[in-house]
Amino acid sequence: MSVKMIDITSKEPVYREAVARGFLKVDEDTMSDLINNGVSGLGNAASIAKITAINAVKTAWRYIPLLHPIPITYVEARVHYEKDGIEMAVLARTRAQTGVEMDALFGLFTGLLAAWNTIKGCSRTCTPEWVTNFMGKKVQTCGSSRVDGMFDIRVVNKVKSEDSVGLGIEDFMDNANGPPIVTMFDVTTEPTYYGEASAKGFIRLREETVELIRQGKVEKGDVITVSKTAAIVAAKKAWEILPLVHLNYLTYVNVDARVIEDGVEIAVDTRNVSNTGSAMEAVFATGVALLTVWDMVKKYEKDEKGQYPHTVIREIKVLKALKTPAV
């Protein structure tokens, strides 16, 4: 099956806007720190998330293979702290021949992941567990995490018009504050680890779209192969776009993509030999694969008004994150 980028050469540029929203579920102790003090873990999660999201919107075309590079003319990111997590909204605008919703979605996903990376780690209530690593060795890991995952990533509004008629995100209250603290975790004296991680995510699609994927009739090409390839490339590039992620020596990436009854499920396994683990690489790869699926089938998911009432990345979660000293 061929793979192609849709030809928009002869289309006239018009004003376009998109707003994407999503939620990062976080334990209440960590959220209490963020709400009361503005910082947790490596610093100000909201500030890091916003800056990362803005940069990600502008560079989405580098990570989603068939996405057109378009002139982003405005980006706004807002963060709302809640008792059980972080809600984020990203607005993107352009005047171009194609839409900006995938760019907004990528910015949102990457911003939430940057917040995740800022506050990740074992919580105060961690209960150690013994598990088996990829070499068959029993290792101890934390049984709970500060972050449960990302949920309900969706496009809430999309505009295409001859005039600038966008409504923006004035209805989304930004309540995040705190000191401008940003730090990168110092792994200089950490031992070398064998790291491994597994992440999984799911995108809900229309039944008709799922059938087109099964039959290999999607106009842009082989959805499964392209999304898996995008995930592998993304895992190796996570350090480029996530400010607090270290350049990691990834030694293995495997991607499984399954078409199921109401969508596509992506699972990514990573391994590394470094001073840190590779959970963020696994999550980034999973999200990029899901967004690649969305981008390739978006023409079938839109309603008569050009909106996405059914499409949603329902969840992205870490299933495993282990580090075994390489001794």
C-alpha atoms as a PDB file:
ATOM      1  CA  MET A   1       0.000   0.000   0.000  1.00  0.00           C
ATOM      2  CA  SER A   2       1.280   3.463  -0.895  1.00  0.00           C
ATOM      3  CA  VAL A   3       1.802   6.221   1.645  1.00  0.00           C
ATOM      4  CA  LYS A   4       1.304   9.854   0.663  1.00  0.00           C
ATOM      5  CA  MET A   5       1.073  13.383   1.962  1.00  0.00           C
ATOM      6  CA  ILE A   6      -2.154  15.015   0.753  1.00  0.00           C
ATOM      7  CA  ASP A   7      -1.571  17.573  -2.019  1.00  0.00           C
ATOM      8  CA  ILE A   8      -2.733  21.016  -0.876  1.00  0.00           C
ATOM      9  CA  THR A   9      -0.695  22.988  -3.414  1.00  0.00           C
ATOM     10  CA  SER A  10      -3.661  24.533  -5.236  1.00  0.00           C
ATOM     11  CA  LYS A  11      -5.774  25.314  -2.159  1.00  0.00           C
ATOM     12  CA  GLU A  12      -6.204  28.907  -1.048  1.00  0.00           C
ATOM     13  CA  PRO A  13      -5.008  29.804   2.460  1.00  0.00           C
ATOM     14  CA  VAL A  14      -7.744  30.806   4.921  1.00  0.00           C
ATOM     15  CA  TYR A  15      -7.931  31.588   8.634  1.00  0.00           C
ATOM     16  CA  ARG A  16      -7.887  28.471  10.796  1.00  0.00           C
ATOM     17  CA  GLU A  17      -8.031  27.895  14.523  1.00  0.00           C
ATOM     18  CA  ALA A  18      -8.209  24.875  16.807  1.00  0.00           C
ATOM     19  CA  VAL A  19      -8.500  24.326  20.552  1.00  0.00           C
ATOM     20  CA  ALA A  20      -7.406  21.052  22.155  1.00  0.00           C
ATOM     21  CA  ARG A  21      -7.933  19.984  25.761  1.00  0.00           C
ATOM     22  CA  GLY A  22      -6.774  17.116  27.916  1.00  0.00           C
ATOM     23  CA  PHE A  23      -6.222  15.966  31.499  1.00  0.00           C
ATOM     24  CA  LEU A  24      -3.236  14.621  33.431  1.00  0.00           C
ATOM     25  CA  LYS A  25      -4.341  12.624  36.477  1.00  0.00           C
ATOM     26  CA  VAL A  26      -2.043  13.277  39.446  1.00  0.00           C
ATOM     27  CA  ASP A  27      -2.133  12.164  43.081  1.00  0.00           C
ATOM     28  CA  GLU A  28      -3.671  14.597  45.565  1.00  0.00           C
ATOM     29  CA  ASP A  29      -0.476  15.150  47.608  1.00  0.00           C
ATOM     30  CA  THR A  30       1.378  16.384  44.550  1.00  0.00           C
ATOM     31  CA  MET A  31      -1.540  18.546  43.455  1.00  0.00           C
ATOM     32  CA  SER A  32      -1.638  20.067  46.928  1.00  0.00           C
ATOM     33  CA  ASP A  33       2.024  21.081  46.479  1.00  0.00           C
ATOM     34  CA  LEU A  34       1.293  22.614  43.089  1.00  0.00           C
ATOM     35  CA  ILE A  35      -1.838  24.449  44.224  1.00  0.00           C
ATOM     36  CA  ASN A  36      -0.320  25.789  47.449  1.00  0.00           C
ATOM     37  CA  ASN A  37       3.334  26.273  46.512  1.00  0.00           C
ATOM     38  CA  GLY A  38       3.362  26.319  42.702  1.00  0.00           C
ATOM     39  CA  VAL A  39       6.154  23.738  42.472  1.00  0.00           C
ATOM     40  CA  SER A  40       6.659  20.003  42.839  1.00  0.00           C
ATOM     41  CA  GLY A  41       9.420  17.668  41.763  1.00  0.00           C
ATOM     42  CA  LEU A  42      11.683  19.517  39.312  1.00  0.00           C
ATOM     43  CA  GLY A  43       9.859  22.829  39.509  1.00  0.00           C
ATOM     44  CA  ASN A  44       6.915  24.796  38.181  1.00  0.00           C
ATOM     45  CA  ALA A  45       4.979  22.204  36.180  1.00  0.00           C
ATOM     46  CA  ALA A  46       2.568  24.721  34.650  1.00  0.00           C
ATOM     47  CA  SER A  47       5.269  27.017  33.299  1.00  0.00           C
ATOM     48  CA  ILE A  48       7.225  24.121  31.845  1.00  0.00           C
ATOM     49  CA  ALA A  49       4.068  22.669  30.301  1.00  0.00           C
ATOM     50  CA  LYS A  50       3.080  25.962  28.661  1.00  0.00           C
ATOM     51  CA  ILE A  51       6.483  26.708  27.150  1.00  0.00           C
ATOM     52  CA  THR A  52       6.821  23.135  25.909  1.00  0.00           C
ATOM     53  CA  ALA A  53       3.335  23.207  24.385  1.00  0.00           C
ATOM     54  CA  ILE A  54       3.981  26.417  22.464  1.00  0.00           C
ATOM     55  CA  ASN A  55       7.222  25.073  21.046  1.00  0.00           C
ATOM     56  CA  ALA A  56       5.582  21.734  20.217  1.00  0.00           C
ATOM     57  CA  VAL A  57       2.756  23.368  18.241  1.00  0.00           C
ATOM     58  CA  LYS A  58       5.355  25.044  16.035  1.00  0.00           C
ATOM     59  CA  THR A  59       7.278  21.813  15.445  1.00  0.00           C
ATOM     60  CA  ALA A  60       4.508  19.196  15.248  1.00  0.00           C
ATOM     61  CA  TRP A  61       5.284  18.519  11.586  1.00  0.00           C
ATOM     62  CA  ARG A  62       8.678  17.133  12.590  1.00  0.00           C
ATOM     63  CA  TYR A  63       7.114  14.288  14.574  1.00  0.00           C
ATOM     64  CA  ILE A  64       3.826  13.446  12.811  1.00  0.00           C
ATOM     65  CA  PRO A  65       5.046  12.053   9.483  1.00  0.00           C
ATOM     66  CA  LEU A  66       2.324  13.177   7.052  1.00  0.00           C
ATOM     67  CA  LEU A  67       1.553  16.528   8.663  1.00  0.00           C
ATOM     68  CA  HIS A  68       2.173  19.643   6.561  1.00  0.00           C
ATOM     69  CA  PRO A  69       4.532  22.323   7.924  1.00  0.00           C
ATOM     70  CA  ILE A  70       2.342  25.427   8.207  1.00  0.00           C
ATOM     71  CA  PRO A  71       3.040  28.965   9.439  1.00  0.00           C
ATOM     72  CA  ILE A  72       1.776  29.021  13.016  1.00  0.00           C
ATOM     73  CA  THR A  73       0.707  32.593  13.726  1.00  0.00           C
ATOM     74  CA  TYR A  74      -0.423  32.330  17.360  1.00  0.00           C
ATOM     75  CA  VAL A  75      -0.316  29.841  20.220  1.00  0.00           C
ATOM     76  CA  GLU A  76      -1.759  30.140  23.700  1.00  0.00           C
ATOM     77  CA  ALA A  77      -1.544  27.506  26.444  1.00  0.00           C
ATOM     78  CA  ARG A  78      -3.459  27.546  29.721  1.00  0.00           C
ATOM     79  CA  VAL A  79      -3.258  25.259  32.758  1.00  0.00           C
ATOM     80  CA  HIS A  80      -5.917  24.650  35.396  1.00  0.00           C
ATOM     81  CA  TYR A  81      -4.970  22.865  38.619  1.00  0.00           C
ATOM     82  CA  GLU A  82      -7.643  20.609  40.082  1.00  0.00           C
ATOM     83  CA  LYS A  83      -7.693  18.440  43.181  1.00  0.00           C
ATOM     84  CA  ASP A  84      -6.882  15.284  41.218  1.00  0.00           C
ATOM     85  CA  GLY A  85      -4.850  16.556  38.312  1.00  0.00           C
ATOM     86  CA  ILE A  86      -3.942  19.104  35.661  1.00  0.00           C
ATOM     87  CA  GLU A  87      -6.281  20.191  32.890  1.00  0.00           C
ATOM     88  CA  MET A  88      -4.700  21.940  29.921  1.00  0.00           C
ATOM     89  CA  ALA A  89      -5.991  23.822  26.893  1.00  0.00           C
ATOM     90  CA  VAL A  90      -3.976  24.807  23.824  1.00  0.00           C
ATOM     91  CA  LEU A  91      -5.128  27.249  21.155  1.00  0.00           C
ATOM     92  CA  ALA A  92      -3.370  27.430  17.782  1.00  0.00           C
ATOM     93  CA  ARG A  93      -4.006  29.762  14.847  1.00  0.00           C
ATOM     94  CA  THR A  94      -2.758  29.978  11.287  1.00  0.00           C
ATOM     95  CA  ARG A  95      -3.619  31.249   7.840  1.00  0.00           C
ATOM     96  CA  ALA A  96      -2.869  28.269   5.648  1.00  0.00           C
ATOM     97  CA  GLN A  97      -4.183  25.720   3.150  1.00  0.00           C
ATOM     98  CA  THR A  98      -4.803  23.079   5.794  1.00  0.00           C
ATOM     99  CA  GLY A  99      -6.025  22.852   9.362  1.00  0.00           C
ATOM    100  CA  VAL A 100      -4.140  23.393  12.603  1.00  0.00           C
ATOM    101  CA  GLU A 101      -5.926  20.894  14.860  1.00  0.00           C
ATOM    102  CA  MET A 102      -3.145  18.275  14.778  1.00  0.00           C
ATOM    103  CA  ASP A 103      -0.606  20.940  15.739  1.00  0.00           C
ATOM    104  CA  ALA A 104      -2.787  21.981  18.694  1.00  0.00           C
ATOM    105  CA  LEU A 105      -3.232  18.354  19.746  1.00  0.00           C
ATOM    106  CA  PHE A 106       0.503  17.696  19.583  1.00  0.00           C
ATOM    107  CA  GLY A 107       1.193  20.822  21.622  1.00  0.00           C
ATOM    108  CA  LEU A 108      -1.341  19.760  24.245  1.00  0.00           C
ATOM    109  CA  PHE A 109      -0.025  16.202  24.495  1.00  0.00           C
ATOM    110  CA  THR A 110       3.607  17.309  24.714  1.00  0.00           C
ATOM    111  CA  GLY A 111       2.791  20.019  27.261  1.00  0.00           C
ATOM    112  CA  LEU A 112       1.017  17.530  29.517  1.00  0.00           C
ATOM    113  CA  LEU A 113       3.933  15.126  29.147  1.00  0.00           C
ATOM    114  CA  ALA A 114       6.362  17.883  30.146  1.00  0.00           C
ATOM    115  CA  ALA A 115       4.279  18.455  33.287  1.00  0.00           C
ATOM    116  CA  TRP A 116       4.290  14.696  33.904  1.00  0.00           C
ATOM    117  CA  ASN A 117       8.066  14.610  33.595  1.00  0.00           C
ATOM    118  CA  THR A 118       8.402  17.526  36.002  1.00  0.00           C
ATOM    119  CA  ILE A 119       6.505  15.839  38.824  1.00  0.00           C
ATOM    120  CA  LYS A 120       7.051  12.133  38.127  1.00  0.00           C
ATOM    121  CA  GLY A 121       8.520   9.773  40.667  1.00  0.00           C
ATOM    122  CA  CYS A 122       7.469   7.697  43.606  1.00  0.00           C
ATOM    123  CA  SER A 123       4.825   9.243  45.814  1.00  0.00           C
ATOM    124  CA  ARG A 124       4.968   9.594  49.570  1.00  0.00           C
ATOM    125  CA  THR A 125       2.766   6.523  49.889  1.00  0.00           C
ATOM    126  CA  CYS A 126       4.913   4.296  47.687  1.00  0.00           C
ATOM    127  CA  THR A 127       4.692   0.576  48.426  1.00  0.00           C
ATOM    128  CA  PRO A 128       7.725  -1.277  47.005  1.00  0.00           C
ATOM    129  CA  GLU A 129       7.011  -4.272  44.788  1.00  0.00           C
ATOM    130  CA  TRP A 130       9.220  -7.036  43.412  1.00  0.00           C
ATOM    131  CA  VAL A 131       8.931  -7.588  39.661  1.00  0.00           C
ATOM    132  CA  THR A 132      10.853  -9.425  36.942  1.00  0.00           C
ATOM    133  CA  ASN A 133      12.837  -7.345  34.457  1.00  0.00           C
ATOM    134  CA  PHE A 134      13.484  -8.178  30.779  1.00  0.00           C
ATOM    135  CA  MET A 135      16.547 -10.238  31.744  1.00  0.00           C
ATOM    136  CA  GLY A 136      14.488 -12.402  34.095  1.00  0.00           C
ATOM    137  CA  LYS A 137      15.997 -10.821  37.206  1.00  0.00           C
ATOM    138  CA  LYS A 138      13.889  -9.874  40.240  1.00  0.00           C
ATOM    139  CA  VAL A 139      14.123  -6.139  40.949  1.00  0.00           C
ATOM    140  CA  GLN A 140      12.335  -3.816  43.344  1.00  0.00           C
ATOM    141  CA  THR A 141      10.125  -1.061  41.996  1.00  0.00           C
ATOM    142  CA  CYS A 142       7.682   1.486  43.356  1.00  0.00           C
ATOM    143  CA  GLY A 143       4.139   0.169  43.347  1.00  0.00           C
ATOM    144  CA  SER A 144       2.515   3.565  42.893  1.00  0.00           C
ATOM    145  CA  SER A 145       3.263   6.733  40.973  1.00  0.00           C
ATOM    146  CA  ARG A 146       2.407  10.393  41.299  1.00  0.00           C
ATOM    147  CA  VAL A 147       0.893  10.358  37.807  1.00  0.00           C
ATOM    148  CA  ASP A 148      -1.818   7.955  36.674  1.00  0.00           C
ATOM    149  CA  GLY A 149      -1.718   9.007  33.020  1.00  0.00           C
ATOM    150  CA  MET A 150      -3.286  11.260  30.395  1.00  0.00           C
ATOM    151  CA  PHE A 151      -6.981  11.162  29.632  1.00  0.00           C
ATOM    152  CA  ASP A 152      -9.543  12.608  27.200  1.00  0.00           C
ATOM    153  CA  ILE A 153      -7.262  14.378  24.731  1.00  0.00           C
ATOM    154  CA  ARG A 154      -9.606  15.928  22.179  1.00  0.00           C
ATOM    155  CA  VAL A 155     -10.338  18.828  19.838  1.00  0.00           C
ATOM    156  CA  VAL A 156     -13.075  20.927  21.439  1.00  0.00           C
ATOM    157  CA  ASN A 157     -13.367  23.513  18.679  1.00  0.00           C
ATOM    158  CA  LYS A 158     -12.113  23.998  15.134  1.00  0.00           C
ATOM    159  CA  VAL A 159     -12.589  27.066  12.905  1.00  0.00           C
ATOM    160  CA  LYS A 160     -12.126  27.527   9.158  1.00  0.00           C
ATOM    161  CA  SER A 161     -13.151  30.893   7.737  1.00  0.00           C
ATOM    162  CA  GLU A 162     -12.304  33.664   5.310  1.00  0.00           C
ATOM    163  CA  ASP A 163     -12.228  36.000   8.315  1.00  0.00           C
ATOM    164  CA  SER A 164     -10.645  35.756  11.745  1.00  0.00           C
ATOM    165  CA  VAL A 165     -13.663  34.664  13.758  1.00  0.00           C
ATOM    166  CA  GLY A 166     -12.059  32.426  16.368  1.00  0.00           C
ATOM    167  CA  LEU A 167     -13.465  32.440  19.873  1.00  0.00           C
ATOM    168  CA  GLY A 168     -10.182  31.664  21.650  1.00  0.00           C
ATOM    169  CA  ILE A 169     -10.055  30.013  25.088  1.00  0.00           C
ATOM    170  CA  GLU A 170     -11.337  32.803  27.289  1.00  0.00           C
ATOM    171  CA  ASP A 171     -13.707  30.332  28.952  1.00  0.00           C
ATOM    172  CA  PHE A 172     -10.769  28.260  30.268  1.00  0.00           C
ATOM    173  CA  MET A 173      -9.574  29.598  33.634  1.00  0.00           C
ATOM    174  CA  ASP A 174      -5.820  29.481  34.186  1.00  0.00           C
ATOM    175  CA  ASN A 175      -5.251  29.175  37.942  1.00  0.00           C
ATOM    176  CA  ALA A 176      -1.617  28.009  37.946  1.00  0.00           C
ATOM    177  CA  ASN A 177       1.060  30.143  39.570  1.00  0.00           C
ATOM    178  CA  GLY A 178       4.241  29.774  41.576  1.00  0.00           C
ATOM    179  CA  PRO A 179       7.924  30.733  41.461  1.00  0.00           C
ATOM    180  CA  PRO A 180       9.835  30.277  38.173  1.00  0.00           C
ATOM    181  CA  ILE A 181      11.751  27.204  39.310  1.00  0.00           C
ATOM    182  CA  VAL A 182      13.036  24.849  36.614  1.00  0.00           C
ATOM    183  CA  THR A 183      15.684  22.191  37.215  1.00  0.00           C
ATOM    184  CA  MET A 184      16.981  19.194  35.313  1.00  0.00           C
ATOM    185  CA  PHE A 185      17.478  16.136  37.478  1.00  0.00           C
ATOM    186  CA  ASP A 186      21.220  15.638  38.060  1.00  0.00           C
ATOM    187  CA  VAL A 187      22.203  12.125  36.977  1.00  0.00           C
ATOM    188  CA  THR A 188      25.931  12.873  36.867  1.00  0.00           C
ATOM    189  CA  THR A 189      26.726  10.561  39.791  1.00  0.00           C
ATOM    190  CA  GLU A 190      23.980   8.039  39.102  1.00  0.00           C
ATOM    191  CA  PRO A 191      25.121   4.522  38.198  1.00  0.00           C
ATOM    192  CA  THR A 192      24.519   3.098  34.765  1.00  0.00           C
ATOM    193  CA  TYR A 193      21.202   1.281  34.578  1.00  0.00           C
ATOM    194  CA  TYR A 194      19.485  -1.188  32.333  1.00  0.00           C
ATOM    195  CA  GLY A 195      16.213   0.643  31.931  1.00  0.00           C
ATOM    196  CA  GLU A 196      12.944  -0.636  30.547  1.00  0.00           C
ATOM    197  CA  ALA A 197       9.496   0.846  30.216  1.00  0.00           C
ATOM    198  CA  SER A 198       6.107   0.035  28.738  1.00  0.00           C
ATOM    199  CA  ALA A 199       3.350   2.482  27.847  1.00  0.00           C
ATOM    200  CA  LYS A 200      -0.071   2.000  26.305  1.00  0.00           C
ATOM    201  CA  GLY A 201      -2.698   4.297  24.810  1.00  0.00           C
ATOM    202  CA  PHE A 202      -5.999   4.176  22.955  1.00  0.00           C
ATOM    203  CA  ILE A 203      -7.745   6.382  20.395  1.00  0.00           C
ATOM    204  CA  ARG A 204     -11.485   6.029  19.868  1.00  0.00           C
ATOM    205  CA  LEU A 205     -12.669   6.230  16.268  1.00  0.00           C
ATOM    206  CA  ARG A 206     -15.887   5.823  14.314  1.00  0.00           C
ATOM    207  CA  GLU A 207     -16.797   2.261  13.338  1.00  0.00           C
ATOM    208  CA  GLU A 208     -16.605   3.236   9.668  1.00  0.00           C
ATOM    209  CA  THR A 209     -13.078   4.561  10.142  1.00  0.00           C
ATOM    210  CA  VAL A 210     -11.974   1.396  11.926  1.00  0.00           C
ATOM    211  CA  GLU A 211     -13.248  -0.666   9.005  1.00  0.00           C
ATOM    212  CA  LEU A 212     -11.336   1.489   6.504  1.00  0.00           C
ATOM    213  CA  ILE A 213      -8.140   0.858   8.488  1.00  0.00           C
ATOM    214  CA  ARG A 214      -8.813  -2.883   8.545  1.00  0.00           C
ATOM    215  CA  GLN A 215      -9.405  -2.970   4.796  1.00  0.00           C
ATOM    216  CA  GLY A 216      -6.384  -0.800   3.965  1.00  0.00           C
ATOM    217  CA  LYS A 217      -8.542   1.843   2.288  1.00  0.00           C
ATOM    218  CA  VAL A 218      -7.351   4.975   4.107  1.00  0.00           C
ATOM    219  CA  GLU A 219      -6.353   7.567   1.507  1.00  0.00           C
ATOM    220  CA  LYS A 220      -3.055   8.476   3.185  1.00  0.00           C
ATOM    221  CA  GLY A 221      -1.896   4.860   3.307  1.00  0.00           C
ATOM    222  CA  ASP A 222      -1.087   2.090   5.783  1.00  0.00           C
ATOM    223  CA  VAL A 223      -2.110   3.547   9.144  1.00  0.00           C
ATOM    224  CA  ILE A 224      -0.569   0.820  11.265  1.00  0.00           C
ATOM    225  CA  THR A 225       2.840   0.792   9.591  1.00  0.00           C
ATOM    226  CA  VAL A 226       3.162   4.584   9.517  1.00  0.00           C
ATOM    227  CA  SER A 227       2.095   5.000  13.160  1.00  0.00           C
ATOM    228  CA  LYS A 228       4.498   2.299  14.347  1.00  0.00           C
ATOM    229  CA  THR A 229       7.373   3.871  12.432  1.00  0.00           C
ATOM    230  CA  ALA A 230       6.495   7.316  13.799  1.00  0.00           C
ATOM    231  CA  ALA A 231       6.575   5.918  17.338  1.00  0.00           C
ATOM    232  CA  ILE A 232      10.044   4.421  16.938  1.00  0.00           C
ATOM    233  CA  VAL A 233      11.440   7.671  15.558  1.00  0.00           C
ATOM    234  CA  ALA A 234       9.685   9.663  18.309  1.00  0.00           C
ATOM    235  CA  ALA A 235      11.150   7.546  21.112  1.00  0.00           C
ATOM    236  CA  LYS A 236      14.634   8.499  19.923  1.00  0.00           C
ATOM    237  CA  LYS A 237      13.709  12.188  19.734  1.00  0.00           C
ATOM    238  CA  ALA A 238      11.918  12.694  23.050  1.00  0.00           C
ATOM    239  CA  TRP A 239      14.902  14.537  24.522  1.00  0.00           C
ATOM    240  CA  GLU A 240      14.705  17.144  21.737  1.00  0.00           C
ATOM    241  CA  ILE A 241      11.278  18.484  22.676  1.00  0.00           C
ATOM    242  CA  LEU A 242      10.864  17.634  26.384  1.00  0.00           C
ATOM    243  CA  PRO A 243      13.072  20.173  28.201  1.00  0.00           C
ATOM    244  CA  LEU A 244      13.872  18.073  31.273  1.00  0.00           C
ATOM    245  CA  VAL A 245      14.434  14.706  29.565  1.00  0.00           C
ATOM    246  CA  HIS A 246      18.034  13.537  29.249  1.00  0.00           C
ATOM    247  CA  LEU A 247      19.611  12.377  26.000  1.00  0.00           C
ATOM    248  CA  ASN A 248      19.180   8.656  26.547  1.00  0.00           C
ATOM    249  CA  TYR A 249      20.977   5.698  24.984  1.00  0.00           C
ATOM    250  CA  LEU A 250      17.953   3.759  23.753  1.00  0.00           C
ATOM    251  CA  THR A 251      18.875   0.200  22.846  1.00  0.00           C
ATOM    252  CA  TYR A 252      15.424  -1.177  21.940  1.00  0.00           C
ATOM    253  CA  VAL A 253      12.021   0.128  20.879  1.00  0.00           C
ATOM    254  CA  ASN A 254       9.091  -2.099  19.992  1.00  0.00           C
ATOM    255  CA  VAL A 255       5.644  -0.881  18.960  1.00  0.00           C
ATOM    256  CA  ASP A 256       2.467  -2.922  18.830  1.00  0.00           C
ATOM    257  CA  ALA A 257      -0.610  -1.436  17.132  1.00  0.00           C
ATOM    258  CA  ARG A 258      -3.942  -3.247  17.331  1.00  0.00           C
ATOM    259  CA  VAL A 259      -7.127  -2.322  15.535  1.00  0.00           C
ATOM    260  CA  ILE A 260      -9.983  -3.165  17.867  1.00  0.00           C
ATOM    261  CA  GLU A 261     -13.737  -2.692  17.743  1.00  0.00           C
ATOM    262  CA  ASP A 262     -13.918   1.033  18.469  1.00  0.00           C
ATOM    263  CA  GLY A 263     -10.428   2.310  17.713  1.00  0.00           C
ATOM    264  CA  VAL A 264      -6.696   1.652  17.743  1.00  0.00           C
ATOM    265  CA  GLU A 265      -4.571   0.604  20.710  1.00  0.00           C
ATOM    266  CA  ILE A 266      -0.857   1.397  20.774  1.00  0.00           C
ATOM    267  CA  ALA A 267       1.686  -0.242  23.100  1.00  0.00           C
ATOM    268  CA  VAL A 268       5.366   0.750  23.223  1.00  0.00           C
ATOM    269  CA  ASP A 269       8.243  -1.014  24.963  1.00  0.00           C
ATOM    270  CA  THR A 270      11.623   0.683  25.397  1.00  0.00           C
ATOM    271  CA  ARG A 271      14.971  -0.395  26.793  1.00  0.00           C
ATOM    272  CA  ASN A 272      18.057   1.690  27.481  1.00  0.00           C
ATOM    273  CA  VAL A 273      21.517   1.685  29.014  1.00  0.00           C
ATOM    274  CA  SER A 274      21.926   5.071  30.706  1.00  0.00           C
ATOM    275  CA  ASN A 275      21.964   6.950  34.009  1.00  0.00           C
ATOM    276  CA  THR A 276      18.158   7.115  33.960  1.00  0.00           C
ATOM    277  CA  GLY A 277      15.128   5.207  32.665  1.00  0.00           C
ATOM    278  CA  SER A 278      13.102   5.494  29.471  1.00  0.00           C
ATOM    279  CA  ALA A 279       9.476   5.879  30.607  1.00  0.00           C
ATOM    280  CA  MET A 280       9.082   9.344  29.065  1.00  0.00           C
ATOM    281  CA  GLU A 281      10.391   8.026  25.751  1.00  0.00           C
ATOM    282  CA  ALA A 282       7.808   5.236  25.829  1.00  0.00           C
ATOM    283  CA  VAL A 283       4.962   7.662  26.595  1.00  0.00           C
ATOM    284  CA  PHE A 284       6.087  10.152  23.953  1.00  0.00           C
ATOM    285  CA  ALA A 285       6.274   7.402  21.350  1.00  0.00           C
ATOM    286  CA  THR A 286       2.806   6.169  22.289  1.00  0.00           C
ATOM    287  CA  GLY A 287       1.283   9.628  21.978  1.00  0.00           C
ATOM    288  CA  VAL A 288       2.955  10.337  18.649  1.00  0.00           C
ATOM    289  CA  ALA A 289       1.679   7.021  17.267  1.00  0.00           C
ATOM    290  CA  LEU A 290      -1.883   7.829  18.375  1.00  0.00           C
ATOM    291  CA  LEU A 291      -1.704  11.321  16.890  1.00  0.00           C
ATOM    292  CA  THR A 292      -0.352   9.859  13.652  1.00  0.00           C
ATOM    293  CA  VAL A 293      -3.384   7.575  13.505  1.00  0.00           C
ATOM    294  CA  TRP A 294      -5.652  10.582  14.084  1.00  0.00           C
ATOM    295  CA  ASP A 295      -3.896  12.626  11.403  1.00  0.00           C
ATOM    296  CA  MET A 296      -4.185   9.853   8.825  1.00  0.00           C
ATOM    297  CA  VAL A 297      -7.916   9.279   9.361  1.00  0.00           C
ATOM    298  CA  LYS A 298      -9.102  12.775  10.276  1.00  0.00           C
ATOM    299  CA  LYS A 299     -11.062  13.276   7.026  1.00  0.00           C
ATOM    300  CA  TYR A 300     -13.285  10.336   8.013  1.00  0.00           C
ATOM    301  CA  GLU A 301     -13.722  11.498  11.619  1.00  0.00           C
ATOM    302  CA  LYS A 302     -15.035  15.019  10.942  1.00  0.00           C
ATOM    303  CA  ASP A 303     -18.744  15.752  11.066  1.00  0.00           C
ATOM    304  CA  GLU A 304     -20.601  18.031   8.644  1.00  0.00           C
ATOM    305  CA  LYS A 305     -19.321  21.084  10.570  1.00  0.00           C
ATOM    306  CA  GLY A 306     -15.698  19.945  10.429  1.00  0.00           C
ATOM    307  CA  GLN A 307     -15.606  19.049  14.138  1.00  0.00           C
ATOM    308  CA  TYR A 308     -14.498  15.849  15.901  1.00  0.00           C
ATOM    309  CA  PRO A 309     -17.403  14.906  18.185  1.00  0.00           C
ATOM    310  CA  HIS A 310     -16.412  11.244  18.429  1.00  0.00           C
ATOM    311  CA  THR A 311     -12.606  11.207  18.211  1.00  0.00           C
ATOM    312  CA  VAL A 312     -10.651  11.177  21.474  1.00  0.00           C
ATOM    313  CA  ILE A 313      -7.381   9.806  22.803  1.00  0.00           C
ATOM    314  CA  ARG A 314      -9.031   8.170  25.761  1.00  0.00           C
ATOM    315  CA  GLU A 315      -5.892   7.401  27.770  1.00  0.00           C
ATOM    316  CA  ILE A 316      -2.117   7.078  27.765  1.00  0.00           C
ATOM    317  CA  LYS A 317      -0.558   5.276  30.720  1.00  0.00           C
ATOM    318  CA  VAL A 318       2.767   3.849  31.878  1.00  0.00           C
ATOM    319  CA  LEU A 319       2.475   0.136  32.576  1.00  0.00           C
ATOM    320  CA  LYS A 320       6.072  -0.478  33.652  1.00  0.00           C
ATOM    321  CA  ALA A 321       9.161   1.607  34.446  1.00  0.00           C
ATOM    322  CA  LEU A 322      12.198  -0.239  35.801  1.00  0.00           C
ATOM    323  CA  LYS A 323      15.887   0.530  36.354  1.00  0.00           C
ATOM    324  CA  THR A 324      18.363  -2.255  37.139  1.00  0.00           C
ATOM    325  CA  PRO A 325      21.963  -1.304  38.018  1.00  0.00           C
ATOM    326  CA  ALA A 326      24.276  -2.549  35.278  1.00  0.00           C
ATOM    327  CA  VAL A 327      26.768  -4.352  37.500  1.00  0.00           C
END
